Protein backbone atom coordinates (compact mmCIF):
# COMPACT_ATOMS: atom_id res chain seq x y z
CA MET A 1 0.05 -0.02 0.12
CA VAL A 2 1.33 3.43 -0.95
CA SER A 3 1.23 6.05 1.77
CA GLU A 4 1.47 9.75 1.16
CA THR A 5 4.33 11.60 3.14
CA THR A 6 3.08 14.65 4.83
CA PHE A 7 5.12 17.86 5.07
CA PRO A 8 6.10 17.53 8.81
CA GLU A 9 7.41 14.00 7.85
CA ARG A 10 9.41 15.35 5.05
CA ARG A 11 10.81 18.16 7.15
CA ALA A 12 11.72 15.61 9.89
CA SER A 13 13.30 13.46 7.12
CA PHE A 14 15.36 16.43 5.85
CA ARG A 15 16.55 17.41 9.45
CA ALA A 16 17.65 13.78 9.93
CA VAL A 17 20.27 14.22 7.15
CA SER A 18 23.74 15.18 8.47
CA ARG A 19 24.94 18.73 8.24
CA PRO A 20 27.89 17.75 5.88
CA SER A 21 25.23 15.99 3.76
CA GLN A 22 23.13 18.98 3.56
CA LEU A 23 26.15 21.34 2.87
CA ALA A 24 27.29 18.91 0.18
CA PHE A 25 23.78 18.85 -1.37
CA ALA A 26 23.77 22.63 -1.48
CA VAL A 27 27.23 22.74 -2.94
CA ALA A 28 26.24 20.20 -5.53
CA LEU A 29 23.26 22.40 -6.57
CA LEU A 30 25.51 25.45 -6.71
CA ALA A 31 28.10 23.52 -8.80
CA VAL A 32 25.65 22.47 -11.39
CA ALA A 33 24.13 25.93 -11.68
CA SER A 34 27.61 27.42 -11.92
CA GLY A 35 28.40 24.85 -14.72
CA CYS A 36 25.31 25.73 -16.59
CA VAL A 37 25.89 29.54 -16.26
CA THR A 38 29.63 28.90 -17.39
CA TYR A 39 28.51 26.81 -20.48
CA ALA A 40 25.86 29.42 -21.40
CA LEU A 41 28.43 32.27 -21.19
CA LEU A 42 31.06 30.27 -23.17
CA THR A 43 28.60 29.51 -25.86
CA ASP A 44 26.95 32.93 -26.12
CA LEU A 45 23.65 31.75 -25.00
CA LEU A 46 23.38 34.70 -22.67
CA PRO A 47 23.59 38.34 -23.92
CA TYR A 48 26.64 39.09 -21.99
CA HIS A 49 30.27 39.12 -23.19
CA LEU A 50 32.71 37.64 -20.73
CA ASN A 51 35.81 39.72 -20.34
CA ARG A 52 38.98 38.83 -18.67
CA PRO A 53 38.04 39.81 -15.15
CA GLY A 54 34.83 38.05 -15.57
CA GLN A 55 36.63 34.84 -16.62
CA ILE A 56 38.90 35.12 -13.70
CA ALA A 57 36.04 35.50 -11.36
CA LEU A 58 34.14 32.68 -12.88
CA VAL A 59 37.16 30.38 -12.71
CA LEU A 60 37.61 31.35 -8.80
CA VAL A 61 33.89 30.57 -8.14
CA ASN A 62 34.12 27.19 -9.92
CA LEU A 63 37.40 26.40 -8.14
CA THR A 64 35.91 27.29 -4.88
CA LEU A 65 33.03 24.88 -5.48
CA VAL A 66 35.39 22.24 -6.81
CA LEU A 67 37.63 22.45 -3.61
CA THR A 68 34.59 22.35 -1.43
CA LEU A 69 32.97 19.39 -3.05
CA ALA A 70 36.43 17.64 -3.20
CA ALA A 71 36.90 18.00 0.58
CA LEU A 72 33.34 16.65 1.28
CA ILE A 73 33.87 13.81 -1.12
CA GLY A 74 37.18 12.88 0.65
CA TRP A 75 35.50 13.02 4.00
CA ARG A 76 32.70 10.72 2.70
CA ILE A 77 35.26 8.32 1.26
CA ALA A 78 37.30 8.38 4.47
CA ARG A 79 34.23 7.44 6.31
CA LEU A 80 33.27 4.59 3.97
CA VAL A 81 36.99 3.19 4.26
CA ALA A 82 36.62 3.26 8.05
CA THR A 83 33.24 1.69 8.04
CA ARG A 84 34.57 -1.14 5.73
CA ARG A 85 37.59 -1.78 8.02
CA SER A 86 35.31 -1.99 11.02
CA GLY A 87 33.46 -4.85 9.27
CA ARG A 88 30.11 -3.22 9.48
CA ALA A 89 27.24 -5.04 7.72
CA GLY A 90 26.73 -3.76 4.05
CA ALA A 91 30.18 -2.03 3.82
CA LYS A 92 31.31 -4.04 1.00
CA LEU A 93 28.12 -3.66 -0.86
CA HIS A 94 28.35 0.27 -0.05
CA ALA A 95 31.75 0.43 -1.60
CA ARG A 96 30.85 -1.58 -4.63
CA LEU A 97 27.82 0.61 -5.38
CA VAL A 98 29.91 3.85 -4.86
CA THR A 99 32.32 2.35 -7.36
CA TRP A 100 29.79 1.73 -9.82
CA PHE A 101 27.93 4.86 -9.51
CA SER A 102 31.15 6.93 -9.83
CA ALA A 103 32.19 5.06 -12.90
CA ILE A 104 28.80 5.66 -14.47
CA ALA A 105 29.19 9.45 -13.52
CA VAL A 106 32.76 9.83 -14.62
CA VAL A 107 32.65 8.40 -18.01
CA PRO A 108 29.91 10.63 -19.58
CA VAL A 109 31.63 13.77 -17.98
CA ILE A 110 34.96 12.83 -19.50
CA LEU A 111 33.46 12.15 -22.96
CA VAL A 112 31.61 15.37 -22.79
CA ALA A 113 34.61 17.36 -21.67
CA VAL A 114 36.80 15.76 -24.56
CA PHE A 115 34.28 16.35 -27.15
CA ALA A 116 33.96 19.99 -26.21
CA ALA A 117 37.64 20.59 -26.15
CA VAL A 118 38.00 18.84 -29.52
CA THR A 119 35.17 20.74 -31.11
CA LEU A 120 36.43 24.10 -29.80
CA ASN A 121 39.84 23.35 -31.32
CA LEU A 122 38.47 22.30 -34.60
CA GLY A 123 36.16 25.34 -34.71
CA LEU A 124 39.00 27.67 -34.01
CA ASP A 125 41.17 25.98 -36.61
CA GLN A 126 38.53 26.27 -39.16
CA MET A 127 37.74 29.89 -38.27
CA PHE A 128 41.42 30.90 -38.73
CA THR A 129 42.06 29.11 -42.11
CA GLY A 130 43.69 30.85 -45.13
CA ARG A 131 40.41 30.89 -46.98
CA VAL A 132 38.77 32.89 -44.29
CA LYS A 133 41.60 35.31 -43.99
CA GLU A 134 41.56 35.71 -47.85
CA ALA A 135 37.88 36.21 -47.89
CA LEU A 136 37.91 38.94 -45.15
CA GLY A 137 40.86 40.56 -46.98
CA SER A 138 38.99 40.77 -50.19
CA ALA A 139 36.05 42.16 -48.54
CA VAL A 140 38.13 44.90 -46.96
CA ASN A 141 39.95 45.67 -50.24
CA VAL A 142 36.77 46.19 -52.12
CA ALA A 143 35.48 48.52 -49.47
CA GLN A 144 38.83 50.36 -49.39
CA VAL A 145 38.89 50.67 -53.27
CA TYR A 146 35.53 52.41 -53.03
CA VAL A 147 36.67 54.73 -50.38
CA LYS A 148 39.90 55.58 -52.11
CA GLU A 149 38.12 56.30 -55.37
CA HIS A 150 36.12 59.09 -53.48
CA GLU A 151 39.31 60.26 -51.81
CA ALA A 152 41.02 60.57 -55.08
CA SER A 153 37.98 62.34 -56.53
CA ILE A 154 37.70 64.88 -53.66
CA LEU A 155 41.34 65.65 -54.15
CA GLY A 156 40.71 66.67 -57.74
CA ASP A 157 37.57 68.57 -56.55
CA ILE A 158 39.43 70.68 -53.95
CA ARG A 159 42.36 71.53 -56.34
CA TYR A 160 39.76 72.61 -58.98
CA ILE A 161 37.80 74.78 -56.52
CA ALA A 162 41.01 76.20 -55.03
CA GLU A 163 42.26 77.27 -58.41
CA ALA A 164 38.93 78.54 -59.47
CA ILE A 165 38.75 80.87 -56.51
CA GLN A 166 42.36 82.13 -56.32
CA ARG A 167 42.64 82.89 -60.04
CA ASP A 168 39.24 84.49 -60.64
CA PRO A 169 39.98 88.28 -60.87
CA GLN A 170 36.29 89.04 -60.48
CA LEU A 171 36.45 88.04 -56.68
CA PHE A 172 38.85 90.72 -55.88
CA ASP A 173 38.64 94.67 -56.18
CA GLU A 174 41.32 96.95 -57.21
CA GLU A 175 43.07 96.73 -53.80
CA GLN A 176 42.93 92.93 -53.73
CA HIS A 177 40.19 92.88 -51.24
CA VAL A 178 37.68 89.98 -51.55
CA ARG A 179 34.27 90.71 -52.81
CA ALA A 180 32.26 88.58 -50.26
CA GLY A 181 29.05 88.36 -52.29
CA MET A 182 30.73 87.16 -55.44
CA MET A 183 32.91 84.89 -53.47
CA PHE A 184 29.83 83.30 -51.89
CA ALA A 185 28.20 82.82 -55.23
CA LYS A 186 31.33 81.39 -56.75
CA LEU A 187 31.81 78.95 -53.96
CA GLY A 188 28.35 77.67 -54.32
CA THR A 189 28.49 77.32 -58.02
CA VAL A 190 31.74 75.24 -58.09
CA THR A 191 30.50 73.16 -55.14
CA GLN A 192 27.42 72.29 -57.01
CA ASN A 193 29.14 71.75 -60.30
CA ARG A 194 31.57 69.21 -58.65
CA GLY A 195 28.88 67.24 -56.90
CA LEU A 196 29.98 68.11 -53.47
CA GLN A 197 27.75 68.47 -50.64
CA ALA A 198 29.52 71.43 -48.81
CA SER A 199 32.51 73.70 -49.08
CA TYR A 200 33.88 75.97 -46.44
CA ILE A 201 36.43 78.75 -46.25
CA LEU A 202 37.98 78.81 -42.72
CA ASP A 203 40.58 80.84 -40.89
CA SER A 204 43.40 79.07 -38.93
CA LYS A 205 41.22 79.24 -35.67
CA GLY A 206 38.27 77.29 -37.25
CA ASN A 207 36.02 80.23 -37.78
CA VAL A 208 33.80 79.84 -40.88
CA LEU A 209 34.32 82.80 -43.29
CA VAL A 210 32.27 81.52 -46.16
CA THR A 211 30.14 78.43 -46.58
CA SER A 212 28.04 76.67 -49.10
CA LYS A 213 26.40 73.38 -48.10
CA GLN A 214 23.22 71.49 -48.24
CA ARG A 215 20.80 72.22 -45.29
CA SER A 216 20.36 68.73 -44.28
CA LEU A 217 24.07 68.07 -43.98
CA LYS A 218 25.55 68.39 -40.55
CA ASP A 219 28.70 70.37 -40.23
CA PRO A 220 31.99 68.31 -39.87
CA ARG A 221 34.14 68.66 -37.02
CA ILE A 222 36.35 71.68 -36.78
CA PRO A 223 39.95 70.84 -38.10
CA SER A 224 42.58 70.71 -35.36
CA SER A 225 45.77 72.95 -35.32
CA ALA A 226 47.73 70.01 -36.70
CA ASP A 227 45.44 69.69 -39.53
CA PHE A 228 45.73 73.41 -40.39
CA ALA A 229 49.63 73.03 -40.10
CA GLN A 230 49.59 69.97 -42.54
CA ALA A 231 47.24 71.82 -44.79
CA ARG A 232 49.90 74.44 -45.45
CA GLU A 233 52.13 71.75 -46.82
CA SER A 234 49.67 69.73 -48.67
CA ILE A 235 46.02 68.56 -48.98
CA VAL A 236 44.79 66.71 -45.86
CA VAL A 237 41.93 64.13 -46.61
CA ASP A 238 40.02 62.71 -43.69
CA THR A 239 37.51 59.90 -43.65
CA PRO A 240 35.58 60.07 -40.40
CA ASP A 241 33.09 57.42 -39.34
CA ASN A 242 29.95 59.54 -40.12
CA GLY A 243 29.95 58.53 -43.94
CA THR A 244 31.81 61.56 -45.25
CA ILE A 245 35.16 62.26 -46.87
CA THR A 246 36.70 65.86 -46.19
CA ALA A 247 39.55 67.52 -47.71
CA LEU A 248 41.54 70.66 -46.38
CA VAL A 249 43.95 72.92 -48.25
CA GLN A 250 45.45 76.32 -47.68
CA LEU A 251 44.45 79.21 -50.02
CA GLN A 252 47.69 80.78 -50.94
CA ALA A 253 46.25 83.83 -52.54
CA LEU A 254 44.15 84.69 -49.49
CA ASN A 255 45.46 85.87 -46.13
CA ASP A 256 44.86 83.13 -43.43
CA ALA A 257 42.15 81.21 -45.41
CA TYR A 258 41.71 77.47 -45.80
CA LEU A 259 39.19 75.52 -48.05
CA GLU A 260 37.47 72.57 -46.79
CA THR A 261 35.18 70.24 -49.06
CA VAL A 262 32.91 67.57 -48.01
CA ARG A 263 31.64 64.51 -50.01
CA VAL A 264 29.08 62.26 -48.69
CA VAL A 265 29.58 58.45 -49.92
CA ASP A 266 26.91 55.85 -50.15
CA PRO A 267 25.73 55.15 -46.52
CA LYS A 268 25.20 51.44 -47.21
CA VAL A 269 28.65 51.02 -48.63
CA PHE A 270 30.33 53.08 -46.03
CA ALA A 271 28.41 51.04 -43.34
CA TYR A 272 29.60 47.82 -44.98
CA TYR A 273 33.12 49.36 -45.08
CA GLN A 274 32.96 50.06 -41.29
CA ARG A 275 31.54 46.64 -40.42
CA THR A 276 34.14 44.96 -42.62
CA ARG A 277 36.96 46.88 -41.03
CA ALA A 278 35.71 46.15 -37.53
CA ALA A 279 35.36 42.56 -38.26
CA VAL A 280 38.86 42.14 -39.71
CA THR A 281 40.22 44.19 -36.72
CA GLU A 282 38.49 41.71 -34.35
CA TYR A 283 39.56 38.83 -36.37
CA ASN A 284 43.11 39.89 -36.21
CA ARG A 285 42.97 40.40 -32.41
CA LEU A 286 41.39 36.89 -31.95
CA ASN A 287 44.04 35.30 -34.25
CA ASP A 288 46.73 37.12 -32.26
CA SER A 289 45.28 35.75 -28.88
CA ARG A 290 44.19 32.52 -30.27
CA LEU A 291 46.36 30.22 -28.02
CA GLN A 292 45.40 32.30 -25.05
CA THR A 293 41.64 31.94 -25.90
CA GLN A 294 42.11 28.09 -26.39
CA LEU A 295 43.78 27.81 -23.01
CA GLN A 296 41.20 29.96 -21.11
CA PHE A 297 38.22 28.05 -22.80
CA ALA A 298 39.97 24.66 -22.19
CA ALA A 299 40.57 25.59 -18.48
CA LEU A 300 36.84 26.78 -18.18
CA TYR A 301 35.64 23.58 -19.82
CA ALA A 302 37.90 21.54 -17.56
CA MET A 303 36.77 23.45 -14.41
CA VAL A 304 33.08 23.02 -15.37
CA ALA A 305 33.49 19.27 -16.21
CA LEU A 306 35.38 18.84 -12.97
CA VAL A 307 32.49 20.67 -10.89
CA VAL A 308 29.95 18.55 -12.66
CA LEU A 309 32.05 15.27 -12.21
CA LEU A 310 32.49 15.95 -8.48
CA ALA A 311 28.76 16.85 -8.18
CA ALA A 312 27.97 13.51 -9.91
CA ILE A 313 30.41 11.49 -7.63
CA TRP A 314 28.67 12.99 -4.70
CA SER A 315 25.29 12.23 -5.97
CA GLY A 316 26.41 8.56 -6.47
CA LEU A 317 27.79 8.46 -2.87
CA TRP A 318 24.46 9.83 -1.76
CA ALA A 319 22.49 7.48 -3.80
CA ALA A 320 24.54 4.48 -2.67
CA ASN A 321 24.32 5.50 1.01
CA ARG A 322 20.51 5.76 0.61
CA LEU A 323 20.34 2.24 -0.90
CA VAL A 324 22.88 0.58 1.32
CA ARG A 325 21.53 2.03 4.63
CA PRO A 326 18.22 0.19 4.92
CA ILE A 327 20.03 -3.10 3.81
CA SER A 328 22.68 -2.62 6.39
CA ASP A 329 20.03 -2.22 9.01
CA LEU A 330 18.31 -5.41 7.80
CA ILE A 331 21.66 -7.35 8.07
CA ASP A 332 22.27 -5.99 11.56
CA ALA A 333 18.69 -6.85 12.62
CA ALA A 334 18.80 -10.38 11.01
CA GLY A 335 22.20 -10.91 13.05
CA ARG A 336 20.43 -9.94 16.27
CA VAL A 337 17.38 -12.31 15.49
CA SER A 338 20.06 -15.15 14.79
CA GLU A 339 21.30 -14.45 18.25
CA GLY A 340 17.85 -14.92 19.80
CA ASP A 341 16.78 -11.27 19.98
CA LEU A 342 13.37 -11.53 18.44
CA THR A 343 12.62 -7.76 19.38
CA ALA A 344 14.93 -6.50 16.55
CA GLN A 345 13.25 -3.98 14.37
CA VAL A 346 14.38 -1.88 11.44
CA ARG A 347 13.68 1.79 10.91
CA ILE A 348 11.57 2.46 7.82
CA GLU A 349 12.04 5.75 6.22
CA ARG A 350 9.57 5.13 3.41
CA ASP A 351 7.09 2.40 2.95
CA ASP A 352 6.25 2.98 -0.72
CA ASP A 353 9.22 1.29 -2.22
CA GLU A 354 10.65 -2.25 -2.33
CA LEU A 355 13.05 -1.77 0.62
CA GLY A 356 10.38 -0.27 2.69
CA THR A 357 8.20 -3.24 1.86
CA LEU A 358 10.85 -5.55 2.82
CA GLY A 359 11.66 -3.67 6.06
CA THR A 360 7.92 -3.87 6.95
CA ALA A 361 7.66 -7.56 6.18
CA PHE A 362 10.88 -8.07 8.46
CA ASN A 363 9.45 -6.29 11.37
CA ARG A 364 6.07 -8.31 10.92
CA MET A 365 8.01 -11.45 10.80
CA THR A 366 9.98 -10.68 14.08
CA GLN A 367 6.88 -9.58 15.79
CA GLN A 368 5.18 -12.87 14.83
CA LEU A 369 8.30 -14.78 15.89
CA SER A 370 8.36 -13.03 19.22
CA ALA A 371 4.62 -13.56 19.76
CA GLN A 372 5.01 -17.33 18.79
CA ARG A 373 7.90 -17.84 21.17
CA GLY A 374 5.91 -16.20 23.88
CA ASP A 375 3.05 -18.58 23.22
CA LEU A 376 5.42 -21.58 23.27
CA VAL A 377 7.09 -20.44 26.54
CA ALA A 378 3.73 -20.08 28.10
CA ALA A 379 2.59 -23.50 26.76
CA GLY A 380 5.79 -24.97 28.10
CA ARG A 381 5.25 -23.45 31.57
CA LEU A 382 1.79 -24.85 31.62
CA ASN A 383 2.93 -28.29 30.67
CA GLU A 384 5.58 -28.08 33.34
CA ILE A 385 2.91 -27.27 35.82
CA ARG A 386 0.67 -29.84 34.79
CA ARG A 387 3.57 -32.50 34.79
CA ARG A 388 4.43 -31.49 38.29
CA PHE A 389 0.79 -31.70 39.38
CA THR A 390 0.44 -35.14 37.82
CA GLU A 391 3.71 -36.29 39.57
CA THR A 392 2.38 -34.96 42.95
CA VAL A 393 -0.87 -36.91 42.46
CA LEU A 394 0.75 -39.97 41.20
CA SER A 395 3.32 -40.08 43.97
CA GLY A 396 0.56 -40.79 46.48
CA VAL A 397 -0.83 -43.79 44.37
CA SER A 398 0.27 -47.24 45.59
CA ALA A 399 -0.25 -48.76 42.05
CA GLY A 400 2.40 -48.23 39.50
CA VAL A 401 1.63 -45.71 36.63
CA ILE A 402 3.50 -45.13 33.50
CA GLY A 403 2.68 -42.53 30.82
CA LEU A 404 3.67 -42.70 27.13
CA ASP A 405 3.65 -39.97 24.49
CA GLY A 406 2.61 -40.69 20.81
CA GLU A 407 6.05 -41.95 19.82
CA GLY A 408 6.07 -44.68 22.82
CA ARG A 409 8.52 -42.74 25.00
CA ILE A 410 8.07 -42.63 28.78
CA THR A 411 7.06 -39.17 29.93
CA ILE A 412 5.82 -39.95 33.40
CA ILE A 413 6.40 -42.69 35.79
CA ASN A 414 5.58 -42.81 39.55
CA ARG A 415 7.82 -44.05 42.31
CA ALA A 416 5.59 -47.32 42.68
CA ALA A 417 6.16 -48.22 39.04
CA ALA A 418 9.85 -47.43 39.29
CA ARG A 419 10.18 -49.71 42.46
CA LEU A 420 8.43 -52.64 40.58
CA MET A 421 10.84 -52.12 37.67
CA ASN A 422 13.77 -51.87 40.10
CA ALA A 423 14.89 -48.51 38.60
CA ALA A 424 14.88 -44.73 39.33
CA PRO A 425 12.01 -42.69 37.68
CA GLU A 426 14.54 -40.30 36.04
CA ASP A 427 16.49 -43.30 34.48
CA MET A 428 13.37 -44.53 32.69
CA GLU A 429 11.97 -41.16 31.60
CA THR A 430 12.35 -40.48 27.81
CA ASN A 431 13.14 -44.13 27.12
CA HIS A 432 11.08 -46.19 24.63
CA TYR A 433 8.70 -48.62 26.32
CA ALA A 434 10.25 -51.53 24.31
CA ASP A 435 13.53 -50.98 25.74
CA ALA A 436 12.39 -49.97 29.47
CA VAL A 437 9.63 -52.49 29.82
CA PRO A 438 9.53 -54.98 26.97
CA GLU A 439 7.27 -57.19 28.90
CA LEU A 440 4.32 -54.65 28.43
CA ALA A 441 4.89 -54.35 24.67
CA PRO A 442 2.27 -56.90 23.56
CA LEU A 443 -0.41 -55.31 25.75
CA ILE A 444 0.55 -51.78 24.50
CA LEU A 445 0.34 -52.86 20.93
CA ARG A 446 -3.07 -54.62 21.50
CA ALA A 447 -4.64 -51.45 23.30
CA ILE A 448 -3.48 -49.44 20.28
CA SER A 449 -5.06 -51.76 17.73
CA GLU A 450 -8.45 -52.27 19.71
CA PRO A 451 -11.24 -49.90 18.73
CA ALA A 452 -11.88 -49.19 22.57
CA GLY A 453 -8.21 -48.52 23.11
CA ARG A 454 -7.96 -50.79 26.12
CA ALA A 455 -6.23 -53.87 26.95
CA GLY A 456 -5.42 -55.73 30.11
CA GLY A 457 -3.81 -58.94 31.61
CA GLU A 458 -1.20 -60.34 33.67
CA VAL A 459 2.40 -59.90 32.95
CA THR A 460 5.36 -61.55 34.41
CA ILE A 461 8.52 -59.35 34.81
CA LYS A 462 11.93 -60.24 36.10
CA ARG A 463 14.20 -57.76 37.61
CA ALA A 464 17.23 -58.42 39.83
CA GLY A 465 16.77 -62.10 39.41
CA THR A 466 13.30 -61.85 41.02
CA PRO A 467 10.19 -62.63 38.95
CA ARG A 468 6.97 -60.80 39.56
CA THR A 469 3.53 -61.19 38.22
CA LEU A 470 1.74 -57.88 37.62
CA SER A 471 -1.88 -57.14 36.68
CA VAL A 472 -1.69 -54.47 34.00
CA GLN A 473 -4.37 -52.31 32.40
CA VAL A 474 -3.44 -50.27 29.21
CA THR A 475 -5.50 -47.39 28.06
CA SER A 476 -4.76 -45.51 24.85
CA GLU A 477 -6.14 -41.94 23.81
């Protein structure tokens, strides 16, 4: 019959577990959780990138769990060895089960760890092959060619605009002063003709003197003093990360004036160029730290495998202990019963499994044996009382009386019968009548065969050389 376990019973059962076992159970759960989190982080299942400090912290957490579990497992194995040396019942079976469970737990974990390490190395080898490098290099080259073409184009544009502004006499009056209105119109015309999105005339401090640009275009960053210094020598071309290409050159014909032009490239192509360049940079970084990455991941994999392995070994120890404990109790109780202690009972933790059923049957058996032994003892005492009463009664009878059991052995003989047989009563008890009084055998056999169960007659016996004739009556029940 299956019985339900109530909450108080479960709480009492949990409290019955030793503190080291509770600690080991908690550490094993934390170890499994840490292993799962580590695996999720290594395989990018979680949206969190594990940096170097995070990896070190993760290794320290797993190492702490490993050392704690290893200490608890060592303590458990030491207790197991001590129990086996003490010869306690079930110790050999316990050790055998622990060995089996540990082997069953160790083999899959080792296989998974080896498989993970091999697949990681193979994946990295495939990732850093020559074909991958060539493909990434080709992609970067295509994007760079596109950007270089625009850089070359803007170089021609800025030279043309600078020449057009500096050599146009209509932009200067007789005193060589700049006509601002005409300068603005000229700058807008040549900017539009060259397909540029903006042109600026700046001073060396970055102040905008004249500008011509599209309204939707954002102003580029102000050139630095280093840019202005370089622009005095040659044209400065810059490709910022905002999808534009700028060029800066000094206008020699003007006093402290610089021309800056802006060309907007295709945003899709420029975004592709940026992504490709970032991918190649990351690829080169990973390739340079490839060995370090392999060692770090191998160490983390090994740590996770060791954590799971130790947790599995502890689970095997715990399961073996749960299986062996009731069996050991049964063996101890059976030994006590064999020594005559019929009050031996085993503690039953659960009665809804086979071991619980076996323990219940054993307890029921010892209870029945104890009850039966009590009944037998009581019956023996009653028979002894009756025998003594019969002996007391027969001792006062002058005639000789002999009592036989079903097998023909003498159970009662009074003193008168013993005197007639010239023997002591205790010498004749438990002897068969054919040996003790063979002269009575024919009458006894006839009484047994008669339907009435009775027979009588005279019998001559001879003891100590003196014959005696006795009148004998035999009655059988």
